[in-house]
Amino acid sequence: MSQGEKILIVEDNPVIVRALEQAGHGLSFVCHHANDGWDAIEKLETEHYAAIVIDADVPHHSGYGVLTYLREENGEHLENVILLTSSDRDEVHRRVGGGQLTVCDKADAVAAITRIVGRA
């Protein structure tokens, strides 16, 4: 990934947003933020993101709704998407048809961002 690429953080908790933004900036990303699912979809319709971090439980068209939108637009090419959940990760991964989608809890989100950066 080249310096200055964008990452979208879909999260409604400002503390977690700040932590993820700091991690993104530390990896030379420009970070965009969406508070809810509708805001995320609007941003995804107009911008390209090198990585997308989605909280499964954001309001107004949940993170799962954003994930559905991404699948409709990109098929199963979700290797740059991280779905954050407080539920059982393996169960969520199975339920959403995981594939290359990364599912993790919020405590592991920074490490997941770092792994995705390393894949590109």
PDB file of N, CA and C in Angstrom:
ATOM      1  N   MET A   1       0.842  -1.178   0.000  1.00  0.00           N
ATOM      2  CA  MET A   1       0.000   0.000   0.000  1.00  0.00           C
ATOM      3  C   MET A   1       0.881   1.234   0.000  1.00  0.00           C
ATOM      4  N   SER A   2       0.440   2.205  -0.750  1.00  0.00           N
ATOM      5  CA  SER A   2       1.235   3.417  -0.818  1.00  0.00           C
ATOM      6  C   SER A   2       0.810   4.404   0.272  1.00  0.00           C
ATOM      7  N   GLN A   3       1.740   5.271   0.599  1.00  0.00           N
ATOM      8  CA  GLN A   3       1.488   6.267   1.641  1.00  0.00           C
ATOM      9  C   GLN A   3       0.316   7.149   1.239  1.00  0.00           C
ATOM     10  N   GLY A   4      -0.522   7.468   2.202  1.00  0.00           N
ATOM     11  CA  GLY A   4      -1.655   8.346   1.967  1.00  0.00           C
ATOM     12  C   GLY A   4      -2.921   7.644   1.502  1.00  0.00           C
ATOM     13  N   GLU A   5      -2.895   6.323   1.391  1.00  0.00           N
ATOM     14  CA  GLU A   5      -4.130   5.627   1.045  1.00  0.00           C
ATOM     15  C   GLU A   5      -5.133   5.789   2.182  1.00  0.00           C
ATOM     16  N   LYS A   6      -6.406   5.590   1.849  1.00  0.00           N
ATOM     17  CA  LYS A   6      -7.466   5.851   2.820  1.00  0.00           C
ATOM     18  C   LYS A   6      -7.966   4.580   3.485  1.00  0.00           C
ATOM     19  N   ILE A   7      -8.331   4.752   4.742  1.00  0.00           N
ATOM     20  CA  ILE A   7      -8.972   3.698   5.511  1.00  0.00           C
ATOM     21  C   ILE A   7     -10.292   4.265   6.023  1.00  0.00           C
ATOM     22  N   LEU A   8     -11.346   3.459   5.972  1.00  0.00           N
ATOM     23  CA  LEU A   8     -12.644   3.872   6.504  1.00  0.00           C
ATOM     24  C   LEU A   8     -12.893   3.141   7.810  1.00  0.00           C
ATOM     25  N   ILE A   9     -13.194   3.905   8.840  1.00  0.00           N
ATOM     26  CA  ILE A   9     -13.504   3.351  10.158  1.00  0.00           C
ATOM     27  C   ILE A   9     -14.986   3.581  10.406  1.00  0.00           C
ATOM     28  N   VAL A  10     -15.747   2.504  10.511  1.00  0.00           N
ATOM     29  CA  VAL A  10     -17.192   2.573  10.746  1.00  0.00           C
ATOM     30  C   VAL A  10     -17.406   2.153  12.199  1.00  0.00           C
ATOM     31  N   GLU A  11     -17.513   3.137  13.065  1.00  0.00           N
ATOM     32  CA  GLU A  11     -17.547   2.888  14.510  1.00  0.00           C
ATOM     33  C   GLU A  11     -18.249   4.057  15.187  1.00  0.00           C
ATOM     34  N   ASP A  12     -19.100   3.765  16.174  1.00  0.00           N
ATOM     35  CA  ASP A  12     -19.822   4.825  16.875  1.00  0.00           C
ATOM     36  C   ASP A  12     -19.251   5.152  18.250  1.00  0.00           C
ATOM     37  N   ASN A  13     -18.228   4.446  18.690  1.00  0.00           N
ATOM     38  CA  ASN A  13     -17.601   4.722  19.979  1.00  0.00           C
ATOM     39  C   ASN A  13     -16.387   5.625  19.741  1.00  0.00           C
ATOM     40  N   PRO A  14     -16.432   6.882  20.216  1.00  0.00           N
ATOM     41  CA  PRO A  14     -15.340   7.820  19.912  1.00  0.00           C
ATOM     42  C   PRO A  14     -13.974   7.394  20.449  1.00  0.00           C
ATOM     43  N   VAL A  15     -13.925   6.677  21.546  1.00  0.00           N
ATOM     44  CA  VAL A  15     -12.647   6.211  22.095  1.00  0.00           C
ATOM     45  C   VAL A  15     -12.001   5.212  21.140  1.00  0.00           C
ATOM     46  N   ILE A  16     -12.801   4.295  20.630  1.00  0.00           N
ATOM     47  CA  ILE A  16     -12.278   3.289  19.702  1.00  0.00           C
ATOM     48  C   ILE A  16     -11.903   3.944  18.375  1.00  0.00           C
ATOM     49  N   VAL A  17     -12.710   4.907  17.942  1.00  0.00           N
ATOM     50  CA  VAL A  17     -12.382   5.634  16.706  1.00  0.00           C
ATOM     51  C   VAL A  17     -11.007   6.284  16.835  1.00  0.00           C
ATOM     52  N   ARG A  18     -10.759   6.968  17.952  1.00  0.00           N
ATOM     53  CA  ARG A  18      -9.465   7.632  18.140  1.00  0.00           C
ATOM     54  C   ARG A  18      -8.312   6.627  18.111  1.00  0.00           C
ATOM     55  N   ALA A  19      -8.482   5.495  18.781  1.00  0.00           N
ATOM     56  CA  ALA A  19      -7.420   4.479  18.801  1.00  0.00           C
ATOM     57  C   ALA A  19      -7.150   3.947  17.394  1.00  0.00           C
ATOM     58  N   LEU A  20      -8.207   3.676  16.638  1.00  0.00           N
ATOM     59  CA  LEU A  20      -8.035   3.163  15.280  1.00  0.00           C
ATOM     60  C   LEU A  20      -7.447   4.226  14.358  1.00  0.00           C
ATOM     61  N   GLU A  21      -7.858   5.475  14.531  1.00  0.00           N
ATOM     62  CA  GLU A  21      -7.277   6.557  13.737  1.00  0.00           C
ATOM     63  C   GLU A  21      -5.785   6.712  14.028  1.00  0.00           C
ATOM     64  N   GLN A  22      -5.413   6.638  15.285  1.00  0.00           N
ATOM     65  CA  GLN A  22      -3.992   6.726  15.628  1.00  0.00           C
ATOM     66  C   GLN A  22      -3.204   5.605  14.973  1.00  0.00           C
ATOM     67  N   ALA A  23      -3.752   4.395  15.012  1.00  0.00           N
ATOM     68  CA  ALA A  23      -3.079   3.263  14.363  1.00  0.00           C
ATOM     69  C   ALA A  23      -2.979   3.498  12.860  1.00  0.00           C
ATOM     70  N   GLY A  24      -4.055   3.942  12.253  1.00  0.00           N
ATOM     71  CA  GLY A  24      -4.055   4.214  10.812  1.00  0.00           C
ATOM     72  C   GLY A  24      -3.062   5.290  10.429  1.00  0.00           C
ATOM     73  N   HIS A  25      -3.049   6.385  11.190  1.00  0.00           N
ATOM     74  CA  HIS A  25      -2.098   7.469  10.905  1.00  0.00           C
ATOM     75  C   HIS A  25      -0.664   6.984  11.077  1.00  0.00           C
ATOM     76  N   GLY A  26      -0.433   6.153  12.090  1.00  0.00           N
ATOM     77  CA  GLY A  26       0.903   5.595  12.308  1.00  0.00           C
ATOM     78  C   GLY A  26       1.379   4.732  11.155  1.00  0.00           C
ATOM     79  N   LEU A  27       0.433   4.195  10.393  1.00  0.00           N
ATOM     80  CA  LEU A  27       0.754   3.377   9.225  1.00  0.00           C
ATOM     81  C   LEU A  27       0.638   4.180   7.923  1.00  0.00           C
ATOM     82  N   SER A  28       0.585   5.506   8.060  1.00  0.00           N
ATOM     83  CA  SER A  28       0.528   6.454   6.929  1.00  0.00           C
ATOM     84  C   SER A  28      -0.783   6.421   6.158  1.00  0.00           C
ATOM     85  N   PHE A  29      -1.873   6.061   6.813  1.00  0.00           N
ATOM     86  CA  PHE A  29      -3.191   6.115   6.192  1.00  0.00           C
ATOM     87  C   PHE A  29      -3.859   7.455   6.457  1.00  0.00           C
ATOM     88  N   VAL A  30      -4.668   7.878   5.531  1.00  0.00           N
ATOM     89  CA  VAL A  30      -5.605   8.966   5.747  1.00  0.00           C
ATOM     90  C   VAL A  30      -6.874   8.287   6.247  1.00  0.00           C
ATOM     91  N   CYS A  31      -7.354   8.668   7.424  1.00  0.00           N
ATOM     92  CA  CYS A  31      -8.496   7.984   8.030  1.00  0.00           C
ATOM     93  C   CYS A  31      -9.781   8.779   7.849  1.00  0.00           C
ATOM     94  N   HIS A  32     -10.795   8.112   7.344  1.00  0.00           N
ATOM     95  CA  HIS A  32     -12.135   8.664   7.277  1.00  0.00           C
ATOM     96  C   HIS A  32     -12.983   7.908   8.290  1.00  0.00           C
ATOM     97  N   HIS A  33     -14.021   8.554   8.784  1.00  0.00           N
ATOM     98  CA  HIS A  33     -14.828   7.964   9.843  1.00  0.00           C
ATOM     99  C   HIS A  33     -16.307   8.069   9.484  1.00  0.00           C
ATOM    100  N   ALA A  34     -17.049   7.013   9.787  1.00  0.00           N
ATOM    101  CA  ALA A  34     -18.505   7.000   9.657  1.00  0.00           C
ATOM    102  C   ALA A  34     -19.088   6.550  10.988  1.00  0.00           C
ATOM    103  N   ASN A  35     -20.081   7.287  11.482  1.00  0.00           N
ATOM    104  CA  ASN A  35     -20.717   6.961  12.762  1.00  0.00           C
ATOM    105  C   ASN A  35     -21.742   5.848  12.657  1.00  0.00           C
ATOM    106  N   ASP A  36     -22.277   5.628  11.469  1.00  0.00           N
ATOM    107  CA  ASP A  36     -23.326   4.622  11.316  1.00  0.00           C
ATOM    108  C   ASP A  36     -23.248   4.003   9.923  1.00  0.00           C
ATOM    109  N   GLY A  37     -24.081   3.003   9.712  1.00  0.00           N
ATOM    110  CA  GLY A  37     -24.052   2.262   8.461  1.00  0.00           C
ATOM    111  C   GLY A  37     -24.417   3.078   7.238  1.00  0.00           C
ATOM    112  N   TRP A  38     -25.401   3.955   7.349  1.00  0.00           N
ATOM    113  CA  TRP A  38     -25.798   4.775   6.192  1.00  0.00           C
ATOM    114  C   TRP A  38     -24.677   5.714   5.783  1.00  0.00           C
ATOM    115  N   ASP A  39     -24.040   6.347   6.778  1.00  0.00           N
ATOM    116  CA  ASP A  39     -22.915   7.242   6.505  1.00  0.00           C
ATOM    117  C   ASP A  39     -21.791   6.468   5.824  1.00  0.00           C
ATOM    118  N   ALA A  40     -21.534   5.250   6.283  1.00  0.00           N
ATOM    119  CA  ALA A  40     -20.487   4.414   5.681  1.00  0.00           C
ATOM    120  C   ALA A  40     -20.791   4.120   4.214  1.00  0.00           C
ATOM    121  N   ILE A  41     -22.022   3.741   3.928  1.00  0.00           N
ATOM    122  CA  ILE A  41     -22.389   3.417   2.545  1.00  0.00           C
ATOM    123  C   ILE A  41     -22.255   4.644   1.656  1.00  0.00           C
ATOM    124  N   GLU A  42     -22.650   5.818   2.146  1.00  0.00           N
ATOM    125  CA  GLU A  42     -22.481   7.049   1.366  1.00  0.00           C
ATOM    126  C   GLU A  42     -21.008   7.278   1.032  1.00  0.00           C
ATOM    127  N   LYS A  43     -20.137   7.075   2.007  1.00  0.00           N
ATOM    128  CA  LYS A  43     -18.697   7.251   1.772  1.00  0.00           C
ATOM    129  C   LYS A  43     -18.169   6.203   0.792  1.00  0.00           C
ATOM    130  N   LEU A  44     -18.627   4.970   0.923  1.00  0.00           N
ATOM    131  CA  LEU A  44     -18.175   3.899   0.042  1.00  0.00           C
ATOM    132  C   LEU A  44     -18.623   4.112  -1.400  1.00  0.00           C
ATOM    133  N   GLU A  45     -19.716   4.829  -1.589  1.00  0.00           N
ATOM    134  CA  GLU A  45     -20.199   5.103  -2.944  1.00  0.00           C
ATOM    135  C   GLU A  45     -19.341   6.138  -3.665  1.00  0.00           C
ATOM    136  N   THR A  46     -18.577   6.939  -2.909  1.00  0.00           N
ATOM    137  CA  THR A  46     -17.825   8.025  -3.539  1.00  0.00           C
ATOM    138  C   THR A  46     -16.308   7.925  -3.384  1.00  0.00           C
ATOM    139  N   GLU A  47     -15.835   7.048  -2.526  1.00  0.00           N
ATOM    140  CA  GLU A  47     -14.397   6.951  -2.257  1.00  0.00           C
ATOM    141  C   GLU A  47     -13.939   5.500  -2.379  1.00  0.00           C
ATOM    142  N   HIS A  48     -12.653   5.337  -2.656  1.00  0.00           N
ATOM    143  CA  HIS A  48     -12.030   4.006  -2.629  1.00  0.00           C
ATOM    144  C   HIS A  48     -11.191   3.921  -1.361  1.00  0.00           C
ATOM    145  N   TYR A  49     -11.310   2.820  -0.636  1.00  0.00           N
ATOM    146  CA  TYR A  49     -10.569   2.632   0.608  1.00  0.00           C
ATOM    147  C   TYR A  49      -9.682   1.401   0.515  1.00  0.00           C
ATOM    148  N   ALA A  50      -8.441   1.573   0.971  1.00  0.00           N
ATOM    149  CA  ALA A  50      -7.495   0.460   0.989  1.00  0.00           C
ATOM    150  C   ALA A  50      -7.864  -0.546   2.062  1.00  0.00           C
ATOM    151  N   ALA A  51      -8.496  -0.070   3.138  1.00  0.00           N
ATOM    152  CA  ALA A  51      -8.954  -0.948   4.219  1.00  0.00           C
ATOM    153  C   ALA A  51     -10.220  -0.356   4.815  1.00  0.00           C
ATOM    154  N   ILE A  52     -11.097  -1.246   5.290  1.00  0.00           N
ATOM    155  CA  ILE A  52     -12.370  -0.835   5.885  1.00  0.00           C
ATOM    156  C   ILE A  52     -12.541  -1.593   7.190  1.00  0.00           C
ATOM    157  N   VAL A  53     -12.733  -0.857   8.277  1.00  0.00           N
ATOM    158  CA  VAL A  53     -12.947  -1.448   9.599  1.00  0.00           C
ATOM    159  C   VAL A  53     -14.395  -1.148   9.978  1.00  0.00           C
ATOM    160  N   ILE A  54     -15.182  -2.198  10.231  1.00  0.00           N
ATOM    161  CA  ILE A  54     -16.619  -2.030  10.479  1.00  0.00           C
ATOM    162  C   ILE A  54     -16.994  -2.652  11.813  1.00  0.00           C
ATOM    163  N   ASP A  55     -17.578  -1.848  12.691  1.00  0.00           N
ATOM    164  CA  ASP A  55     -18.174  -2.379  13.918  1.00  0.00           C
ATOM    165  C   ASP A  55     -19.504  -3.019  13.528  1.00  0.00           C
ATOM    166  N   ALA A  56     -19.699  -4.264  13.891  1.00  0.00           N
ATOM    167  CA  ALA A  56     -20.931  -4.977  13.528  1.00  0.00           C
ATOM    168  C   ALA A  56     -22.178  -4.318  14.104  1.00  0.00           C
ATOM    169  N   ASP A  57     -22.026  -3.588  15.208  1.00  0.00           N
ATOM    170  CA  ASP A  57     -23.191  -3.064  15.920  1.00  0.00           C
ATOM    171  C   ASP A  57     -23.404  -1.563  15.774  1.00  0.00           C
ATOM    172  N   VAL A  58     -22.932  -0.947  14.693  1.00  0.00           N
ATOM    173  CA  VAL A  58     -23.206   0.478  14.516  1.00  0.00           C
ATOM    174  C   VAL A  58     -24.687   0.673  14.211  1.00  0.00           C
ATOM    175  N   PRO A  59     -25.229   1.845  14.554  1.00  0.00           N
ATOM    176  CA  PRO A  59     -26.649   2.102  14.301  1.00  0.00           C
ATOM    177  C   PRO A  59     -26.940   2.389  12.822  1.00  0.00           C
ATOM    178  N   HIS A  60     -28.215   2.446  12.496  1.00  0.00           N
ATOM    179  CA  HIS A  60     -28.711   2.833  11.168  1.00  0.00           C
ATOM    180  C   HIS A  60     -28.074   2.024  10.059  1.00  0.00           C
ATOM    181  N   HIS A  61     -28.559   0.860   9.857  1.00  0.00           N
ATOM    182  CA  HIS A  61     -28.044  -0.058   8.848  1.00  0.00           C
ATOM    183  C   HIS A  61     -26.737  -0.629   9.383  1.00  0.00           C
ATOM    184  N   SER A  62     -26.839  -1.569  10.241  1.00  0.00           N
ATOM    185  CA  SER A  62     -25.718  -2.122  11.014  1.00  0.00           C
ATOM    186  C   SER A  62     -24.489  -2.433  10.160  1.00  0.00           C
ATOM    187  N   GLY A  63     -23.425  -2.794  10.847  1.00  0.00           N
ATOM    188  CA  GLY A  63     -22.218  -3.215  10.153  1.00  0.00           C
ATOM    189  C   GLY A  63     -22.476  -4.377   9.215  1.00  0.00           C
ATOM    190  N   TYR A  64     -23.422  -5.232   9.572  1.00  0.00           N
ATOM    191  CA  TYR A  64     -23.786  -6.342   8.687  1.00  0.00           C
ATOM    192  C   TYR A  64     -24.418  -5.815   7.400  1.00  0.00           C
ATOM    193  N   GLY A  65     -25.176  -4.744   7.506  1.00  0.00           N
ATOM    194  CA  GLY A  65     -25.751  -4.105   6.319  1.00  0.00           C
ATOM    195  C   GLY A  65     -24.674  -3.518   5.423  1.00  0.00           C
ATOM    196  N   VAL A  66     -23.656  -2.930   6.032  1.00  0.00           N
ATOM    197  CA  VAL A  66     -22.522  -2.395   5.268  1.00  0.00           C
ATOM    198  C   VAL A  66     -21.798  -3.543   4.575  1.00  0.00           C
ATOM    199  N   LEU A  67     -21.627  -4.639   5.278  1.00  0.00           N
ATOM    200  CA  LEU A  67     -20.986  -5.815   4.703  1.00  0.00           C
ATOM    201  C   LEU A  67     -21.789  -6.348   3.507  1.00  0.00           C
ATOM    202  N   THR A  68     -23.107  -6.372   3.629  1.00  0.00           N
ATOM    203  CA  THR A  68     -23.963  -6.790   2.517  1.00  0.00           C
ATOM    204  C   THR A  68     -23.768  -5.862   1.322  1.00  0.00           C
ATOM    205  N   TYR A  69     -23.727  -4.559   1.571  1.00  0.00           N
ATOM    206  CA  TYR A  69     -23.490  -3.586   0.502  1.00  0.00           C
ATOM    207  C   TYR A  69     -22.153  -3.879  -0.201  1.00  0.00           C
ATOM    208  N   LEU A  70     -21.102  -4.104   0.592  1.00  0.00           N
ATOM    209  CA  LEU A  70     -19.782  -4.380   0.013  1.00  0.00           C
ATOM    210  C   LEU A  70     -19.807  -5.631  -0.854  1.00  0.00           C
ATOM    211  N   ARG A  71     -20.510  -6.652  -0.411  1.00  0.00           N
ATOM    212  CA  ARG A  71     -20.602  -7.886  -1.204  1.00  0.00           C
ATOM    213  C   ARG A  71     -21.353  -7.639  -2.505  1.00  0.00           C
ATOM    214  N   GLU A  72     -22.399  -6.835  -2.450  1.00  0.00           N
ATOM    215  CA  GLU A  72     -23.149  -6.530  -3.667  1.00  0.00           C
ATOM    216  C   GLU A  72     -22.283  -5.761  -4.659  1.00  0.00           C
ATOM    217  N   GLU A  73     -21.407  -4.906  -4.159  1.00  0.00           N
ATOM    218  CA  GLU A  73     -20.550  -4.095  -5.016  1.00  0.00           C
ATOM    219  C   GLU A  73     -19.277  -4.815  -5.458  1.00  0.00           C
ATOM    220  N   ASN A  74     -18.697  -5.645  -4.579  1.00  0.00           N
ATOM    221  CA  ASN A  74     -17.375  -6.222  -4.819  1.00  0.00           C
ATOM    222  C   ASN A  74     -17.340  -7.737  -4.853  1.00  0.00           C
ATOM    223  N   GLY A  75     -18.467  -8.388  -4.714  1.00  0.00           N
ATOM    224  CA  GLY A  75     -18.465  -9.842  -4.639  1.00  0.00           C
ATOM    225  C   GLY A  75     -17.838 -10.287  -3.326  1.00  0.00           C
ATOM    226  N   GLU A  76     -17.095 -11.352  -3.389  1.00  0.00           N
ATOM    227  CA  GLU A  76     -16.483 -11.904  -2.173  1.00  0.00           C
ATOM    228  C   GLU A  76     -15.084 -11.364  -1.915  1.00  0.00           C
ATOM    229  N   HIS A  77     -14.695 -10.316  -2.602  1.00  0.00           N
ATOM    230  CA  HIS A  77     -13.360  -9.735  -2.430  1.00  0.00           C
ATOM    231  C   HIS A  77     -13.362  -8.827  -1.204  1.00  0.00           C
ATOM    232  N   LEU A  78     -13.267  -9.442  -0.031  1.00  0.00           N
ATOM    233  CA  LEU A  78     -13.350  -8.717   1.236  1.00  0.00           C
ATOM    234  C   LEU A  78     -12.047  -8.806   2.026  1.00  0.00           C
ATOM    235  N   GLU A  79     -10.944  -9.061   1.339  1.00  0.00           N
ATOM    236  CA  GLU A  79      -9.676  -9.217   2.041  1.00  0.00           C
ATOM    237  C   GLU A  79      -9.202  -7.928   2.715  1.00  0.00           C
ATOM    238  N   ASN A  80      -9.767  -6.795   2.353  1.00  0.00           N
ATOM    239  CA  ASN A  80      -9.383  -5.533   2.982  1.00  0.00           C
ATOM    240  C   ASN A  80     -10.413  -5.066   4.018  1.00  0.00           C
ATOM    241  N   VAL A  81     -11.333  -5.965   4.415  1.00  0.00           N
ATOM    242  CA  VAL A  81     -12.399  -5.613   5.360  1.00  0.00           C
ATOM    243  C   VAL A  81     -12.179  -6.322   6.691  1.00  0.00           C
ATOM    244  N   ILE A  82     -12.337  -5.551   7.768  1.00  0.00           N
ATOM    245  CA  ILE A  82     -12.258  -6.086   9.131  1.00  0.00           C
ATOM    246  C   ILE A  82     -13.610  -5.847   9.782  1.00  0.00           C
ATOM    247  N   LEU A  83     -14.264  -6.890  10.242  1.00  0.00           N
ATOM    248  CA  LEU A  83     -15.533  -6.785  10.947  1.00  0.00           C
ATOM    249  C   LEU A  83     -15.264  -6.958  12.432  1.00  0.00           C
ATOM    250  N   LEU A  84     -15.599  -5.934  13.216  1.00  0.00           N
ATOM    251  CA  LEU A  84     -15.396  -5.970  14.662  1.00  0.00           C
ATOM    252  C   LEU A  84     -16.663  -6.458  15.342  1.00  0.00           C
ATOM    253  N   THR A  85     -16.512  -7.391  16.274  1.00  0.00           N
ATOM    254  CA  THR A  85     -17.671  -7.930  16.983  1.00  0.00           C
ATOM    255  C   THR A  85     -17.292  -8.291  18.408  1.00  0.00           C
ATOM    256  N   SER A  86     -18.277  -8.223  19.290  1.00  0.00           N
ATOM    257  CA  SER A  86     -18.071  -8.702  20.662  1.00  0.00           C
ATOM    258  C   SER A  86     -18.617 -10.116  20.805  1.00  0.00           C
ATOM    259  N   SER A  87     -19.219 -10.623  19.748  1.00  0.00           N
ATOM    260  CA  SER A  87     -19.746 -11.992  19.736  1.00  0.00           C
ATOM    261  C   SER A  87     -18.625 -12.973  19.419  1.00  0.00           C
ATOM    262  N   ASP A  88     -18.953 -14.261  19.455  1.00  0.00           N
ATOM    263  CA  ASP A  88     -17.989 -15.303  19.120  1.00  0.00           C
ATOM    264  C   ASP A  88     -17.518 -15.109  17.675  1.00  0.00           C
ATOM    265  N   ARG A  89     -16.231 -14.858  17.502  1.00  0.00           N
ATOM    266  CA  ARG A  89     -15.679 -14.548  16.180  1.00  0.00           C
ATOM    267  C   ARG A  89     -15.880 -15.663  15.172  1.00  0.00           C
ATOM    268  N   ASP A  90     -15.641 -16.897  15.585  1.00  0.00           N
ATOM    269  CA  ASP A  90     -15.794 -18.017  14.654  1.00  0.00           C
ATOM    270  C   ASP A  90     -17.243 -18.161  14.205  1.00  0.00           C
ATOM    271  N   GLU A  91     -18.168 -18.004  15.132  1.00  0.00           N
ATOM    272  CA  GLU A  91     -19.592 -18.089  14.791  1.00  0.00           C
ATOM    273  C   GLU A  91     -19.990 -16.967  13.839  1.00  0.00           C
ATOM    274  N   VAL A  92     -19.546 -15.750  14.105  1.00  0.00           N
ATOM    275  CA  VAL A  92     -19.858 -14.620  13.219  1.00  0.00           C
ATOM    276  C   VAL A  92     -19.257 -14.876  11.841  1.00  0.00           C
ATOM    277  N   HIS A  93     -18.026 -15.345  11.792  1.00  0.00           N
ATOM    278  CA  HIS A  93     -17.364 -15.619  10.515  1.00  0.00           C
ATOM    279  C   HIS A  93     -18.169 -16.632   9.707  1.00  0.00           C
ATOM    280  N   ARG A  94     -18.640 -17.695  10.348  1.00  0.00           N
ATOM    281  CA  ARG A  94     -19.475 -18.694   9.662  1.00  0.00           C
ATOM    282  C   ARG A  94     -20.798 -18.078   9.216  1.00  0.00           C
ATOM    283  N   ARG A  95     -21.422 -17.310  10.100  1.00  0.00           N
ATOM    284  CA  ARG A  95     -22.740 -16.748   9.804  1.00  0.00           C
ATOM    285  C   ARG A  95     -22.709 -15.787   8.622  1.00  0.00           C
ATOM    286  N   VAL A  96     -21.647 -15.011   8.495  1.00  0.00           N
ATOM    287  CA  VAL A  96     -21.586 -14.038   7.406  1.00  0.00           C
ATOM    288  C   VAL A  96     -20.908 -14.595   6.156  1.00  0.00           C
ATOM    289  N   GLY A  97     -20.580 -15.884   6.179  1.00  0.00           N
ATOM    290  CA  GLY A  97     -19.959 -16.494   5.013  1.00  0.00           C
ATOM    291  C   GLY A  97     -18.547 -15.996   4.798  1.00  0.00           C
ATOM    292  N   GLY A  98     -17.828 -15.818   5.873  1.00  0.00           N
ATOM    293  CA  GLY A  98     -16.499 -15.263   5.990  1.00  0.00           C
ATOM    294  C   GLY A  98     -15.591 -15.173   4.793  1.00  0.00           C
ATOM    295  N   GLY A  99     -15.159 -16.279   4.228  1.00  0.00           N
ATOM    296  CA  GLY A  99     -14.160 -16.211   3.169  1.00  0.00           C
ATOM    297  C   GLY A  99     -12.915 -15.501   3.662  1.00  0.00           C
ATOM    298  N   GLN A 100     -12.470 -14.494   2.928  1.00  0.00           N
ATOM    299  CA  GLN A 100     -11.263 -13.752   3.295  1.00  0.00           C
ATOM    300  C   GLN A 100     -11.541 -12.604   4.256  1.00  0.00           C
ATOM    301  N   LEU A 101     -12.765 -12.448   4.673  1.00  0.00           N
ATOM    302  CA  LEU A 101     -13.143 -11.417   5.636  1.00  0.00           C
ATOM    303  C   LEU A 101     -12.448 -11.675   6.973  1.00  0.00           C
ATOM    304  N   THR A 102     -11.862 -10.641   7.563  1.00  0.00           N
ATOM    305  CA  THR A 102     -11.255 -10.741   8.883  1.00  0.00           C
ATOM    306  C   THR A 102     -12.311 -10.368   9.918  1.00  0.00           C
ATOM    307  N   VAL A 103     -12.532 -11.233  10.890  1.00  0.00           N
ATOM    308  CA  VAL A 103     -13.461 -10.968  11.984  1.00  0.00           C
ATOM    309  C   VAL A 103     -12.650 -10.978  13.268  1.00  0.00           C
ATOM    310  N   CYS A 104     -12.748  -9.904  14.053  1.00  0.00           N
ATOM    311  CA  CYS A 104     -11.990  -9.851  15.298  1.00  0.00           C
ATOM    312  C   CYS A 104     -12.732  -8.992  16.318  1.00  0.00           C
ATOM    313  N   ASP A 105     -12.265  -9.033  17.562  1.00  0.00           N
ATOM    314  CA  ASP A 105     -12.849  -8.143  18.555  1.00  0.00           C
ATOM    315  C   ASP A 105     -12.090  -6.822  18.515  1.00  0.00           C
ATOM    316  N   LYS A 106     -12.638  -5.824  19.179  1.00  0.00           N
ATOM    317  CA  LYS A 106     -12.080  -4.480  19.096  1.00  0.00           C
ATOM    318  C   LYS A 106     -10.661  -4.410  19.644  1.00  0.00           C
ATOM    319  N   ALA A 107     -10.340  -5.233  20.614  1.00  0.00           N
ATOM    320  CA  ALA A 107      -8.993  -5.224  21.188  1.00  0.00           C
ATOM    321  C   ALA A 107      -7.956  -5.671  20.164  1.00  0.00           C
ATOM    322  N   ASP A 108      -8.354  -6.469  19.173  1.00  0.00           N
ATOM    323  CA  ASP A 108      -7.423  -6.973  18.163  1.00  0.00           C
ATOM    324  C   ASP A 108      -7.464  -6.177  16.861  1.00  0.00           C
ATOM    325  N   ALA A 109      -8.224  -5.097  16.820  1.00  0.00           N
ATOM    326  CA  ALA A 109      -8.419  -4.359  15.575  1.00  0.00           C
ATOM    327  C   ALA A 109      -7.128  -3.758  15.035  1.00  0.00           C
ATOM    328  N   VAL A 110      -6.300  -3.197  15.896  1.00  0.00           N
ATOM    329  CA  VAL A 110      -5.057  -2.578  15.428  1.00  0.00           C
ATOM    330  C   VAL A 110      -4.151  -3.629  14.787  1.00  0.00           C
ATOM    331  N   ALA A 111      -4.036  -4.794  15.401  1.00  0.00           N
ATOM    332  CA  ALA A 111      -3.228  -5.870  14.827  1.00  0.00           C
ATOM    333  C   ALA A 111      -3.804  -6.316  13.486  1.00  0.00           C
ATOM    334  N   ALA A 112      -5.131  -6.341  13.378  1.00  0.00           N
ATOM    335  CA  ALA A 112      -5.763  -6.743  12.118  1.00  0.00           C
ATOM    336  C   ALA A 112      -5.473  -5.723  11.020  1.00  0.00           C
ATOM    337  N   ILE A 113      -5.506  -4.448  11.360  1.00  0.00           N
ATOM    338  CA  ILE A 113      -5.168  -3.414  10.374  1.00  0.00           C
ATOM    339  C   ILE A 113      -3.738  -3.634   9.884  1.00  0.00           C
ATOM    340  N   THR A 114      -2.833  -3.888  10.794  1.00  0.00           N
ATOM    341  CA  THR A 114      -1.430  -4.102  10.447  1.00  0.00           C
ATOM    342  C   THR A 114      -1.284  -5.316   9.519  1.00  0.00           C
ATOM    343  N   ARG A 115      -2.026  -6.396   9.783  1.00  0.00           N
ATOM    344  CA  ARG A 115      -1.968  -7.588   8.912  1.00  0.00           C
ATOM    345  C   ARG A 115      -2.470  -7.263   7.513  1.00  0.00           C
ATOM    346  N   ILE A 116      -3.554  -6.493   7.428  1.00  0.00           N
ATOM    347  CA  ILE A 116      -4.109  -6.153   6.122  1.00  0.00           C
ATOM    348  C   ILE A 116      -3.138  -5.285   5.344  1.00  0.00           C
ATOM    349  N   VAL A 117      -2.493  -4.351   5.998  1.00  0.00           N
ATOM    350  CA  VAL A 117      -1.500  -3.512   5.331  1.00  0.00           C
ATOM    351  C   VAL A 117      -0.383  -4.377   4.776  1.00  0.00           C
ATOM    352  N   GLY A 118       0.023  -5.385   5.508  1.00  0.00           N
ATOM    353  CA  GLY A 118       1.089  -6.266   5.076  1.00  0.00           C
ATOM    354  C   GLY A 118       0.723  -7.155   3.908  1.00  0.00           C
ATOM    355  N   ARG A 119      -0.582  -7.384   3.698  1.00  0.00           N
ATOM    356  CA  ARG A 119      -1.032  -8.252   2.612  1.00  0.00           C
ATOM    357  C   ARG A 119      -0.997  -7.572   1.256  1.00  0.00           C
ATOM    358  N   ALA A 120      -1.119  -6.263   1.260  1.00  0.00           N
ATOM    359  CA  ALA A 120      -1.265  -5.556  -0.027  1.00  0.00           C
ATOM    360  C   ALA A 120       0.056  -5.367  -0.730  1.00  0.00           C
TER     361      ALA A 120
END
